[in-house]
ModelCIF file with pLDDT and N, C-alpha, C, O atoms, coordinates in Angstrom:
data_MODEL
#
_entry.id   MODEL 
#
_entity.id                         1 
_entity.type                       polymer 
_entity.pdbx_number_of_molecules   1 
#
_entity_poly.entity_id                      1 
_entity_poly.type                           'polypeptide(L)' 
_entity_poly.nstd_linkage                   no 
_entity_poly.nstd_monomer                   no 
_entity_poly.pdbx_seq_one_letter_code       VQIGASVVLALLVRGHETQRAFQRILFWFAVSAVPWIAGAVAHGTAR 
_entity_poly.pdbx_seq_one_letter_code_can   VQIGASVVLALLVRGHETQRAFQRILFWFAVSAVPWIAGAVAHGTAR 
_entity_poly.pdbx_strand_id                 A 
#
loop_
_entity_poly_seq.entity_id 
_entity_poly_seq.num 
_entity_poly_seq.mon_id 
_entity_poly_seq.hetero 
1 1  VAL n 
1 2  GLN n 
1 3  ILE n 
1 4  GLY n 
1 5  ALA n 
1 6  SER n 
1 7  VAL n 
1 8  VAL n 
1 9  LEU n 
1 10 ALA n 
1 11 LEU n 
1 12 LEU n 
1 13 VAL n 
1 14 ARG n 
1 15 GLY n 
1 16 HIS n 
1 17 GLU n 
1 18 THR n 
1 19 GLN n 
1 20 ARG n 
1 21 ALA n 
1 22 PHE n 
1 23 GLN n 
1 24 ARG n 
1 25 ILE n 
1 26 LEU n 
1 27 PHE n 
1 28 TRP n 
1 29 PHE n 
1 30 ALA n 
1 31 VAL n 
1 32 SER n 
1 33 ALA n 
1 34 VAL n 
1 35 PRO n 
1 36 TRP n 
1 37 ILE n 
1 38 ALA n 
1 39 GLY n 
1 40 ALA n 
1 41 VAL n 
1 42 ALA n 
1 43 HIS n 
1 44 GLY n 
1 45 THR n 
1 46 ALA n 
1 47 ARG n 
#
_struct_asym.id          A 
_struct_asym.entity_id   1 
#
loop_
_ma_qa_metric.id 
_ma_qa_metric.mode 
_ma_qa_metric.name 
_ma_qa_metric.software_group_id 
_ma_qa_metric.type 
1 global pLDDT . pLDDT 
2 local  pLDDT . pLDDT 
#
_ma_qa_metric_global.metric_id      1 
_ma_qa_metric_global.metric_value   91.36 
_ma_qa_metric_global.model_id       1 
_ma_qa_metric_global.ordinal_id     1 
#
loop_
_ma_qa_metric_local.label_asym_id 
_ma_qa_metric_local.label_comp_id 
_ma_qa_metric_local.label_seq_id 
_ma_qa_metric_local.metric_id 
_ma_qa_metric_local.metric_value 
_ma_qa_metric_local.model_id 
_ma_qa_metric_local.ordinal_id 
A VAL 1  2 96.00 1 1  
A GLN 2  2 96.00 1 2  
A ILE 3  2 95.00 1 3  
A GLY 4  2 95.00 1 4  
A ALA 5  2 94.00 1 5  
A SER 6  2 93.00 1 6  
A VAL 7  2 94.00 1 7  
A VAL 8  2 92.00 1 8  
A LEU 9  2 90.00 1 9  
A ALA 10 2 89.00 1 10 
A LEU 11 2 89.00 1 11 
A LEU 12 2 87.00 1 12 
A VAL 13 2 84.00 1 13 
A ARG 14 2 83.00 1 14 
A GLY 15 2 79.00 1 15 
A HIS 16 2 77.00 1 16 
A GLU 17 2 78.00 1 17 
A THR 18 2 79.00 1 18 
A GLN 19 2 84.00 1 19 
A ARG 20 2 86.00 1 20 
A ALA 21 2 87.00 1 21 
A PHE 22 2 88.00 1 22 
A GLN 23 2 90.00 1 23 
A ARG 24 2 92.00 1 24 
A ILE 25 2 92.00 1 25 
A LEU 26 2 93.00 1 26 
A PHE 27 2 94.00 1 27 
A TRP 28 2 95.00 1 28 
A PHE 29 2 95.00 1 29 
A ALA 30 2 95.00 1 30 
A VAL 31 2 96.00 1 31 
A SER 32 2 96.00 1 32 
A ALA 33 2 96.00 1 33 
A VAL 34 2 96.00 1 34 
A PRO 35 2 96.00 1 35 
A TRP 36 2 97.00 1 36 
A ILE 37 2 96.00 1 37 
A ALA 38 2 96.00 1 38 
A GLY 39 2 95.00 1 39 
A ALA 40 2 95.00 1 40 
A VAL 41 2 94.00 1 41 
A ALA 42 2 93.00 1 42 
A HIS 43 2 91.00 1 43 
A GLY 44 2 91.00 1 44 
A THR 45 2 94.00 1 45 
A ALA 46 2 95.00 1 46 
A ARG 47 2 96.00 1 47 
#
loop_
_atom_site.group_PDB 
_atom_site.id 
_atom_site.type_symbol 
_atom_site.label_atom_id 
_atom_site.label_alt_id 
_atom_site.label_comp_id 
_atom_site.label_asym_id 
_atom_site.label_entity_id 
_atom_site.label_seq_id 
_atom_site.pdbx_PDB_ins_code 
_atom_site.Cartn_x 
_atom_site.Cartn_y 
_atom_site.Cartn_z 
_atom_site.occupancy 
_atom_site.B_iso_or_equiv 
_atom_site.pdbx_formal_charge 
_atom_site.auth_seq_id 
_atom_site.auth_comp_id 
_atom_site.auth_asym_id 
_atom_site.auth_atom_id 
_atom_site.pdbx_PDB_model_num 
ATOM 1   N N  . VAL A 1 1  ? 112.326 75.850 128.393 1.00 96.00 ? 1  VAL A N  1 
ATOM 2   C CA . VAL A 1 1  ? 112.791 74.277 128.835 1.00 96.00 ? 1  VAL A CA 1 
ATOM 3   C C  . VAL A 1 1  ? 112.558 74.040 130.329 1.00 96.00 ? 1  VAL A C  1 
ATOM 4   O O  . VAL A 1 1  ? 112.223 72.920 130.713 1.00 96.00 ? 1  VAL A O  1 
ATOM 5   N N  . GLN A 1 2  ? 112.751 75.219 131.325 1.00 96.00 ? 2  GLN A N  1 
ATOM 6   C CA . GLN A 1 2  ? 112.892 75.110 132.425 1.00 96.00 ? 2  GLN A CA 1 
ATOM 7   C C  . GLN A 1 2  ? 111.616 74.964 133.129 1.00 96.00 ? 2  GLN A C  1 
ATOM 8   O O  . GLN A 1 2  ? 111.383 74.143 134.017 1.00 96.00 ? 2  GLN A O  1 
ATOM 9   N N  . ILE A 1 3  ? 110.349 76.341 132.376 1.00 95.00 ? 3  ILE A N  1 
ATOM 10  C CA . ILE A 1 3  ? 110.169 76.319 133.007 1.00 95.00 ? 3  ILE A CA 1 
ATOM 11  C C  . ILE A 1 3  ? 108.481 75.106 132.457 1.00 95.00 ? 3  ILE A C  1 
ATOM 12  O O  . ILE A 1 3  ? 107.681 74.515 133.182 1.00 95.00 ? 3  ILE A O  1 
ATOM 13  N N  . GLY A 1 4  ? 108.570 75.193 130.953 1.00 95.00 ? 4  GLY A N  1 
ATOM 14  C CA . GLY A 1 4  ? 107.591 74.927 130.301 1.00 95.00 ? 4  GLY A CA 1 
ATOM 15  C C  . GLY A 1 4  ? 107.775 73.058 131.319 1.00 95.00 ? 4  GLY A C  1 
ATOM 16  O O  . GLY A 1 4  ? 106.863 72.530 131.955 1.00 95.00 ? 4  GLY A O  1 
ATOM 17  N N  . ALA A 1 5  ? 108.653 72.709 131.204 1.00 94.00 ? 5  ALA A N  1 
ATOM 18  C CA . ALA A 1 5  ? 108.927 71.437 131.822 1.00 94.00 ? 5  ALA A CA 1 
ATOM 19  C C  . ALA A 1 5  ? 108.565 70.941 133.600 1.00 94.00 ? 5  ALA A C  1 
ATOM 20  O O  . ALA A 1 5  ? 108.066 69.915 134.061 1.00 94.00 ? 5  ALA A O  1 
ATOM 21  N N  . SER A 1 6  ? 109.121 72.294 134.299 1.00 93.00 ? 6  SER A N  1 
ATOM 22  C CA . SER A 1 6  ? 108.583 72.737 135.424 1.00 93.00 ? 6  SER A CA 1 
ATOM 23  C C  . SER A 1 6  ? 106.658 72.180 135.025 1.00 93.00 ? 6  SER A C  1 
ATOM 24  O O  . SER A 1 6  ? 105.897 71.219 135.129 1.00 93.00 ? 6  SER A O  1 
ATOM 25  N N  . VAL A 1 7  ? 106.711 73.365 134.622 1.00 94.00 ? 7  VAL A N  1 
ATOM 26  C CA . VAL A 1 7  ? 104.939 73.061 134.952 1.00 94.00 ? 7  VAL A CA 1 
ATOM 27  C C  . VAL A 1 7  ? 103.788 72.022 133.966 1.00 94.00 ? 7  VAL A C  1 
ATOM 28  O O  . VAL A 1 7  ? 102.588 71.886 133.727 1.00 94.00 ? 7  VAL A O  1 
ATOM 29  N N  . VAL A 1 8  ? 104.847 71.574 133.703 1.00 92.00 ? 8  VAL A N  1 
ATOM 30  C CA . VAL A 1 8  ? 104.314 70.328 133.180 1.00 92.00 ? 8  VAL A CA 1 
ATOM 31  C C  . VAL A 1 8  ? 103.773 69.395 134.002 1.00 92.00 ? 8  VAL A C  1 
ATOM 32  O O  . VAL A 1 8  ? 102.627 68.953 134.082 1.00 92.00 ? 8  VAL A O  1 
ATOM 33  N N  . LEU A 1 9  ? 105.631 68.960 135.121 1.00 90.00 ? 9  LEU A N  1 
ATOM 34  C CA . LEU A 1 9  ? 105.171 68.206 135.490 1.00 90.00 ? 9  LEU A CA 1 
ATOM 35  C C  . LEU A 1 9  ? 104.544 68.553 136.979 1.00 90.00 ? 9  LEU A C  1 
ATOM 36  O O  . LEU A 1 9  ? 104.321 67.721 137.859 1.00 90.00 ? 9  LEU A O  1 
ATOM 37  N N  . ALA A 1 10 ? 104.378 69.572 137.035 1.00 89.00 ? 10 ALA A N  1 
ATOM 38  C CA . ALA A 1 10 ? 103.121 69.884 138.164 1.00 89.00 ? 10 ALA A CA 1 
ATOM 39  C C  . ALA A 1 10 ? 102.075 70.008 137.989 1.00 89.00 ? 10 ALA A C  1 
ATOM 40  O O  . ALA A 1 10 ? 101.377 70.391 138.928 1.00 89.00 ? 10 ALA A O  1 
ATOM 41  N N  . LEU A 1 11 ? 101.558 69.774 136.863 1.00 89.00 ? 11 LEU A N  1 
ATOM 42  C CA . LEU A 1 11 ? 100.732 69.394 136.424 1.00 89.00 ? 11 LEU A CA 1 
ATOM 43  C C  . LEU A 1 11 ? 99.909  67.811 136.251 1.00 89.00 ? 11 LEU A C  1 
ATOM 44  O O  . LEU A 1 11 ? 98.728  67.547 136.474 1.00 89.00 ? 11 LEU A O  1 
ATOM 45  N N  . LEU A 1 12 ? 101.545 66.487 135.544 1.00 87.00 ? 12 LEU A N  1 
ATOM 46  C CA . LEU A 1 12 ? 101.499 65.397 135.978 1.00 87.00 ? 12 LEU A CA 1 
ATOM 47  C C  . LEU A 1 12 ? 100.961 65.073 136.612 1.00 87.00 ? 12 LEU A C  1 
ATOM 48  O O  . LEU A 1 12 ? 99.885  64.497 136.451 1.00 87.00 ? 12 LEU A O  1 
ATOM 49  N N  . VAL A 1 13 ? 101.819 65.459 138.142 1.00 84.00 ? 13 VAL A N  1 
ATOM 50  C CA . VAL A 1 13 ? 100.927 65.377 139.637 1.00 84.00 ? 13 VAL A CA 1 
ATOM 51  C C  . VAL A 1 13 ? 100.139 65.767 140.372 1.00 84.00 ? 13 VAL A C  1 
ATOM 52  O O  . VAL A 1 13 ? 100.171 65.541 141.581 1.00 84.00 ? 13 VAL A O  1 
ATOM 53  N N  . ARG A 1 14 ? 99.015  66.630 139.615 1.00 83.00 ? 14 ARG A N  1 
ATOM 54  C CA . ARG A 1 14 ? 98.424  67.625 140.666 1.00 83.00 ? 14 ARG A CA 1 
ATOM 55  C C  . ARG A 1 14 ? 97.766  66.631 141.643 1.00 83.00 ? 14 ARG A C  1 
ATOM 56  O O  . ARG A 1 14 ? 97.634  65.438 141.369 1.00 83.00 ? 14 ARG A O  1 
ATOM 57  N N  . GLY A 1 15 ? 97.280  67.306 143.032 1.00 79.00 ? 15 GLY A N  1 
ATOM 58  C CA . GLY A 1 15 ? 96.998  66.376 144.154 1.00 79.00 ? 15 GLY A CA 1 
ATOM 59  C C  . GLY A 1 15 ? 97.674  65.522 144.463 1.00 79.00 ? 15 GLY A C  1 
ATOM 60  O O  . GLY A 1 15 ? 97.091  64.931 145.373 1.00 79.00 ? 15 GLY A O  1 
ATOM 61  N N  . HIS A 1 16 ? 99.239  64.750 144.112 1.00 77.00 ? 16 HIS A N  1 
ATOM 62  C CA . HIS A 1 16 ? 99.712  63.810 144.456 1.00 77.00 ? 16 HIS A CA 1 
ATOM 63  C C  . HIS A 1 16 ? 101.188 64.490 145.615 1.00 77.00 ? 16 HIS A C  1 
ATOM 64  O O  . HIS A 1 16 ? 102.076 65.256 145.240 1.00 77.00 ? 16 HIS A O  1 
ATOM 65  N N  . GLU A 1 17 ? 101.025 63.923 146.973 1.00 78.00 ? 17 GLU A N  1 
ATOM 66  C CA . GLU A 1 17 ? 101.680 64.622 147.058 1.00 78.00 ? 17 GLU A CA 1 
ATOM 67  C C  . GLU A 1 17 ? 103.492 65.762 147.048 1.00 78.00 ? 17 GLU A C  1 
ATOM 68  O O  . GLU A 1 17 ? 104.069 66.671 147.645 1.00 78.00 ? 17 GLU A O  1 
ATOM 69  N N  . THR A 1 18 ? 103.676 64.480 145.507 1.00 79.00 ? 18 THR A N  1 
ATOM 70  C CA . THR A 1 18 ? 105.430 64.421 144.660 1.00 79.00 ? 18 THR A CA 1 
ATOM 71  C C  . THR A 1 18 ? 104.767 66.375 143.923 1.00 79.00 ? 18 THR A C  1 
ATOM 72  O O  . THR A 1 18 ? 105.611 66.691 143.084 1.00 79.00 ? 18 THR A O  1 
ATOM 73  N N  . GLN A 1 19 ? 103.740 67.449 144.018 1.00 84.00 ? 19 GLN A N  1 
ATOM 74  C CA . GLN A 1 19 ? 103.346 67.735 143.523 1.00 84.00 ? 19 GLN A CA 1 
ATOM 75  C C  . GLN A 1 19 ? 104.098 69.471 143.927 1.00 84.00 ? 19 GLN A C  1 
ATOM 76  O O  . GLN A 1 19 ? 104.452 70.325 143.114 1.00 84.00 ? 19 GLN A O  1 
ATOM 77  N N  . ARG A 1 20 ? 104.157 69.542 145.696 1.00 86.00 ? 20 ARG A N  1 
ATOM 78  C CA . ARG A 1 20 ? 104.465 70.225 145.753 1.00 86.00 ? 20 ARG A CA 1 
ATOM 79  C C  . ARG A 1 20 ? 106.396 70.210 145.500 1.00 86.00 ? 20 ARG A C  1 
ATOM 80  O O  . ARG A 1 20 ? 107.078 71.107 145.003 1.00 86.00 ? 20 ARG A O  1 
ATOM 81  N N  . ALA A 1 21 ? 106.628 69.524 145.778 1.00 87.00 ? 21 ALA A N  1 
ATOM 82  C CA . ALA A 1 21 ? 107.996 69.901 145.148 1.00 87.00 ? 21 ALA A CA 1 
ATOM 83  C C  . ALA A 1 21 ? 108.081 70.653 144.063 1.00 87.00 ? 21 ALA A C  1 
ATOM 84  O O  . ALA A 1 21 ? 108.805 71.641 143.943 1.00 87.00 ? 21 ALA A O  1 
ATOM 85  N N  . PHE A 1 22 ? 107.268 70.160 143.165 1.00 88.00 ? 22 PHE A N  1 
ATOM 86  C CA . PHE A 1 22 ? 107.887 70.607 141.368 1.00 88.00 ? 22 PHE A CA 1 
ATOM 87  C C  . PHE A 1 22 ? 106.771 72.039 141.457 1.00 88.00 ? 22 PHE A C  1 
ATOM 88  O O  . PHE A 1 22 ? 106.395 72.279 140.310 1.00 88.00 ? 22 PHE A O  1 
ATOM 89  N N  . GLN A 1 23 ? 106.286 72.817 142.254 1.00 90.00 ? 23 GLN A N  1 
ATOM 90  C CA . GLN A 1 23 ? 105.318 73.972 142.600 1.00 90.00 ? 23 GLN A CA 1 
ATOM 91  C C  . GLN A 1 23 ? 107.092 75.112 143.203 1.00 90.00 ? 23 GLN A C  1 
ATOM 92  O O  . GLN A 1 23 ? 107.714 76.164 143.053 1.00 90.00 ? 23 GLN A O  1 
ATOM 93  N N  . ARG A 1 24 ? 107.043 73.780 143.908 1.00 92.00 ? 24 ARG A N  1 
ATOM 94  C CA . ARG A 1 24 ? 108.825 75.014 144.376 1.00 92.00 ? 24 ARG A CA 1 
ATOM 95  C C  . ARG A 1 24 ? 109.792 74.934 143.763 1.00 92.00 ? 24 ARG A C  1 
ATOM 96  O O  . ARG A 1 24 ? 110.589 75.838 144.009 1.00 92.00 ? 24 ARG A O  1 
ATOM 97  N N  . ILE A 1 25 ? 110.289 73.799 142.601 1.00 92.00 ? 25 ILE A N  1 
ATOM 98  C CA . ILE A 1 25 ? 110.701 74.337 141.409 1.00 92.00 ? 25 ILE A CA 1 
ATOM 99  C C  . ILE A 1 25 ? 110.528 75.650 140.326 1.00 92.00 ? 25 ILE A C  1 
ATOM 100 O O  . ILE A 1 25 ? 111.347 76.528 140.054 1.00 92.00 ? 25 ILE A O  1 
ATOM 101 N N  . LEU A 1 26 ? 109.380 75.475 139.903 1.00 93.00 ? 26 LEU A N  1 
ATOM 102 C CA . LEU A 1 26 ? 109.127 76.501 139.188 1.00 93.00 ? 26 LEU A CA 1 
ATOM 103 C C  . LEU A 1 26 ? 108.718 77.960 139.412 1.00 93.00 ? 26 LEU A C  1 
ATOM 104 O O  . LEU A 1 26 ? 108.347 78.847 138.642 1.00 93.00 ? 26 LEU A O  1 
ATOM 105 N N  . PHE A 1 27 ? 108.918 77.899 140.756 1.00 94.00 ? 27 PHE A N  1 
ATOM 106 C CA . PHE A 1 27 ? 108.632 78.972 141.990 1.00 94.00 ? 27 PHE A CA 1 
ATOM 107 C C  . PHE A 1 27 ? 110.845 79.957 141.577 1.00 94.00 ? 27 PHE A C  1 
ATOM 108 O O  . PHE A 1 27 ? 111.205 81.050 141.138 1.00 94.00 ? 27 PHE A O  1 
ATOM 109 N N  . TRP A 1 28 ? 111.275 79.225 141.864 1.00 95.00 ? 28 TRP A N  1 
ATOM 110 C CA . TRP A 1 28 ? 112.394 80.163 142.130 1.00 95.00 ? 28 TRP A CA 1 
ATOM 111 C C  . TRP A 1 28 ? 113.145 79.923 139.985 1.00 95.00 ? 28 TRP A C  1 
ATOM 112 O O  . TRP A 1 28 ? 114.019 80.685 139.573 1.00 95.00 ? 28 TRP A O  1 
ATOM 113 N N  . PHE A 1 29 ? 112.632 78.965 139.204 1.00 95.00 ? 29 PHE A N  1 
ATOM 114 C CA . PHE A 1 29 ? 112.986 79.061 137.941 1.00 95.00 ? 29 PHE A CA 1 
ATOM 115 C C  . PHE A 1 29 ? 112.307 80.055 137.121 1.00 95.00 ? 29 PHE A C  1 
ATOM 116 O O  . PHE A 1 29 ? 112.694 80.519 136.048 1.00 95.00 ? 29 PHE A O  1 
ATOM 117 N N  . ALA A 1 30 ? 111.087 80.358 137.864 1.00 95.00 ? 30 ALA A N  1 
ATOM 118 C CA . ALA A 1 30 ? 110.455 82.226 137.849 1.00 95.00 ? 30 ALA A CA 1 
ATOM 119 C C  . ALA A 1 30 ? 110.904 82.841 137.702 1.00 95.00 ? 30 ALA A C  1 
ATOM 120 O O  . ALA A 1 30 ? 111.225 83.502 136.714 1.00 95.00 ? 30 ALA A O  1 
ATOM 121 N N  . VAL A 1 31 ? 111.254 82.825 139.578 1.00 96.00 ? 31 VAL A N  1 
ATOM 122 C CA . VAL A 1 31 ? 112.260 83.663 139.872 1.00 96.00 ? 31 VAL A CA 1 
ATOM 123 C C  . VAL A 1 31 ? 113.162 84.254 138.898 1.00 96.00 ? 31 VAL A C  1 
ATOM 124 O O  . VAL A 1 31 ? 113.161 85.418 138.499 1.00 96.00 ? 31 VAL A O  1 
ATOM 125 N N  . SER A 1 32 ? 114.016 83.194 138.533 1.00 96.00 ? 32 SER A N  1 
ATOM 126 C CA . SER A 1 32 ? 115.266 83.648 137.663 1.00 96.00 ? 32 SER A CA 1 
ATOM 127 C C  . SER A 1 32 ? 115.481 84.123 136.503 1.00 96.00 ? 32 SER A C  1 
ATOM 128 O O  . SER A 1 32 ? 116.406 84.771 136.011 1.00 96.00 ? 32 SER A O  1 
ATOM 129 N N  . ALA A 1 33 ? 113.870 83.457 135.877 1.00 96.00 ? 33 ALA A N  1 
ATOM 130 C CA . ALA A 1 33 ? 114.251 83.847 134.581 1.00 96.00 ? 33 ALA A CA 1 
ATOM 131 C C  . ALA A 1 33 ? 114.003 85.106 134.434 1.00 96.00 ? 33 ALA A C  1 
ATOM 132 O O  . ALA A 1 33 ? 114.042 85.529 133.279 1.00 96.00 ? 33 ALA A O  1 
ATOM 133 N N  . VAL A 1 34 ? 113.661 86.116 135.594 1.00 96.00 ? 34 VAL A N  1 
ATOM 134 C CA . VAL A 1 34 ? 113.810 87.589 135.131 1.00 96.00 ? 34 VAL A CA 1 
ATOM 135 C C  . VAL A 1 34 ? 115.112 87.697 134.777 1.00 96.00 ? 34 VAL A C  1 
ATOM 136 O O  . VAL A 1 34 ? 115.534 87.574 133.627 1.00 96.00 ? 34 VAL A O  1 
ATOM 137 N N  . PRO A 1 35 ? 115.733 87.916 135.706 1.00 96.00 ? 35 PRO A N  1 
ATOM 138 C CA . PRO A 1 35 ? 117.573 88.215 135.336 1.00 96.00 ? 35 PRO A CA 1 
ATOM 139 C C  . PRO A 1 35 ? 117.945 87.501 134.261 1.00 96.00 ? 35 PRO A C  1 
ATOM 140 O O  . PRO A 1 35 ? 118.912 88.175 133.905 1.00 96.00 ? 35 PRO A O  1 
ATOM 141 N N  . TRP A 1 36 ? 117.875 86.671 133.535 1.00 97.00 ? 36 TRP A N  1 
ATOM 142 C CA . TRP A 1 36 ? 117.857 85.842 132.066 1.00 97.00 ? 36 TRP A CA 1 
ATOM 143 C C  . TRP A 1 36 ? 117.178 86.507 131.421 1.00 97.00 ? 36 TRP A C  1 
ATOM 144 O O  . TRP A 1 36 ? 117.814 87.519 131.126 1.00 97.00 ? 36 TRP A O  1 
ATOM 145 N N  . ILE A 1 37 ? 116.075 86.523 130.957 1.00 96.00 ? 37 ILE A N  1 
ATOM 146 C CA . ILE A 1 37 ? 115.390 87.645 130.254 1.00 96.00 ? 37 ILE A CA 1 
ATOM 147 C C  . ILE A 1 37 ? 115.886 88.892 130.073 1.00 96.00 ? 37 ILE A C  1 
ATOM 148 O O  . ILE A 1 37 ? 116.120 89.440 128.996 1.00 96.00 ? 37 ILE A O  1 
ATOM 149 N N  . ALA A 1 38 ? 115.997 89.204 130.872 1.00 96.00 ? 38 ALA A N  1 
ATOM 150 C CA . ALA A 1 38 ? 117.350 90.711 131.481 1.00 96.00 ? 38 ALA A CA 1 
ATOM 151 C C  . ALA A 1 38 ? 117.711 90.721 131.226 1.00 96.00 ? 38 ALA A C  1 
ATOM 152 O O  . ALA A 1 38 ? 117.598 91.579 130.351 1.00 96.00 ? 38 ALA A O  1 
ATOM 153 N N  . GLY A 1 39 ? 118.947 90.004 131.183 1.00 95.00 ? 39 GLY A N  1 
ATOM 154 C CA . GLY A 1 39 ? 120.417 90.098 131.364 1.00 95.00 ? 39 GLY A CA 1 
ATOM 155 C C  . GLY A 1 39 ? 120.270 89.586 129.166 1.00 95.00 ? 39 GLY A C  1 
ATOM 156 O O  . GLY A 1 39 ? 121.229 89.932 128.476 1.00 95.00 ? 39 GLY A O  1 
ATOM 157 N N  . ALA A 1 40 ? 119.184 88.913 128.527 1.00 95.00 ? 40 ALA A N  1 
ATOM 158 C CA . ALA A 1 40 ? 119.148 89.069 127.257 1.00 95.00 ? 40 ALA A CA 1 
ATOM 159 C C  . ALA A 1 40 ? 119.062 89.800 126.167 1.00 95.00 ? 40 ALA A C  1 
ATOM 160 O O  . ALA A 1 40 ? 119.334 89.655 124.975 1.00 95.00 ? 40 ALA A O  1 
ATOM 161 N N  . VAL A 1 41 ? 118.406 91.022 127.176 1.00 94.00 ? 41 VAL A N  1 
ATOM 162 C CA . VAL A 1 41 ? 118.829 91.741 125.875 1.00 94.00 ? 41 VAL A CA 1 
ATOM 163 C C  . VAL A 1 41 ? 119.093 93.332 126.596 1.00 94.00 ? 41 VAL A C  1 
ATOM 164 O O  . VAL A 1 41 ? 118.520 94.403 126.396 1.00 94.00 ? 41 VAL A O  1 
ATOM 165 N N  . ALA A 1 42 ? 120.287 92.927 127.566 1.00 93.00 ? 42 ALA A N  1 
ATOM 166 C CA . ALA A 1 42 ? 121.386 93.508 128.017 1.00 93.00 ? 42 ALA A CA 1 
ATOM 167 C C  . ALA A 1 42 ? 122.605 93.355 127.433 1.00 93.00 ? 42 ALA A C  1 
ATOM 168 O O  . ALA A 1 42 ? 123.116 92.254 127.641 1.00 93.00 ? 42 ALA A O  1 
ATOM 169 N N  . HIS A 1 43 ? 123.139 94.004 126.864 1.00 91.00 ? 43 HIS A N  1 
ATOM 170 C CA . HIS A 1 43 ? 124.652 93.908 126.109 1.00 91.00 ? 43 HIS A CA 1 
ATOM 171 C C  . HIS A 1 43 ? 126.283 94.185 127.407 1.00 91.00 ? 43 HIS A C  1 
ATOM 172 O O  . HIS A 1 43 ? 126.411 94.970 128.346 1.00 91.00 ? 43 HIS A O  1 
ATOM 173 N N  . GLY A 1 44 ? 126.941 93.459 127.013 1.00 91.00 ? 44 GLY A N  1 
ATOM 174 C CA . GLY A 1 44 ? 128.423 93.088 127.543 1.00 91.00 ? 44 GLY A CA 1 
ATOM 175 C C  . GLY A 1 44 ? 128.561 92.542 129.327 1.00 91.00 ? 44 GLY A C  1 
ATOM 176 O O  . GLY A 1 44 ? 128.298 91.434 129.793 1.00 91.00 ? 44 GLY A O  1 
ATOM 177 N N  . THR A 1 45 ? 129.202 94.117 130.220 1.00 94.00 ? 45 THR A N  1 
ATOM 178 C CA . THR A 1 45 ? 128.983 93.346 131.549 1.00 94.00 ? 45 THR A CA 1 
ATOM 179 C C  . THR A 1 45 ? 127.462 93.126 132.387 1.00 94.00 ? 45 THR A C  1 
ATOM 180 O O  . THR A 1 45 ? 127.186 92.506 133.414 1.00 94.00 ? 45 THR A O  1 
ATOM 181 N N  . ALA A 1 46 ? 126.620 93.954 131.420 1.00 95.00 ? 46 ALA A N  1 
ATOM 182 C CA . ALA A 1 46 ? 125.532 93.865 132.200 1.00 95.00 ? 46 ALA A CA 1 
ATOM 183 C C  . ALA A 1 46 ? 124.906 92.234 131.989 1.00 95.00 ? 46 ALA A C  1 
ATOM 184 O O  . ALA A 1 46 ? 124.454 91.659 132.980 1.00 95.00 ? 46 ALA A O  1 
ATOM 185 N N  . ARG A 1 47 ? 124.913 91.664 130.873 1.00 96.00 ? 47 ARG A N  1 
ATOM 186 C CA . ARG A 1 47 ? 124.663 90.752 130.751 1.00 96.00 ? 47 ARG A CA 1 
ATOM 187 C C  . ARG A 1 47 ? 125.367 89.807 131.636 1.00 96.00 ? 47 ARG A C  1 
ATOM 188 O O  . ARG A 1 47 ? 125.125 88.602 131.569 1.00 96.00 ? 47 ARG A O  1 
#
């Protein structure tokens, strides 16, 4: 949901000055996706 929405929004405003804001949002959702998915395959305290 978060990365999909960010990609779509960045594409919708491509070439517009607002695109930079959504590129930043997309970057940080991509960064946080790593511990989200890693935690999903882990268990217990690690998750």
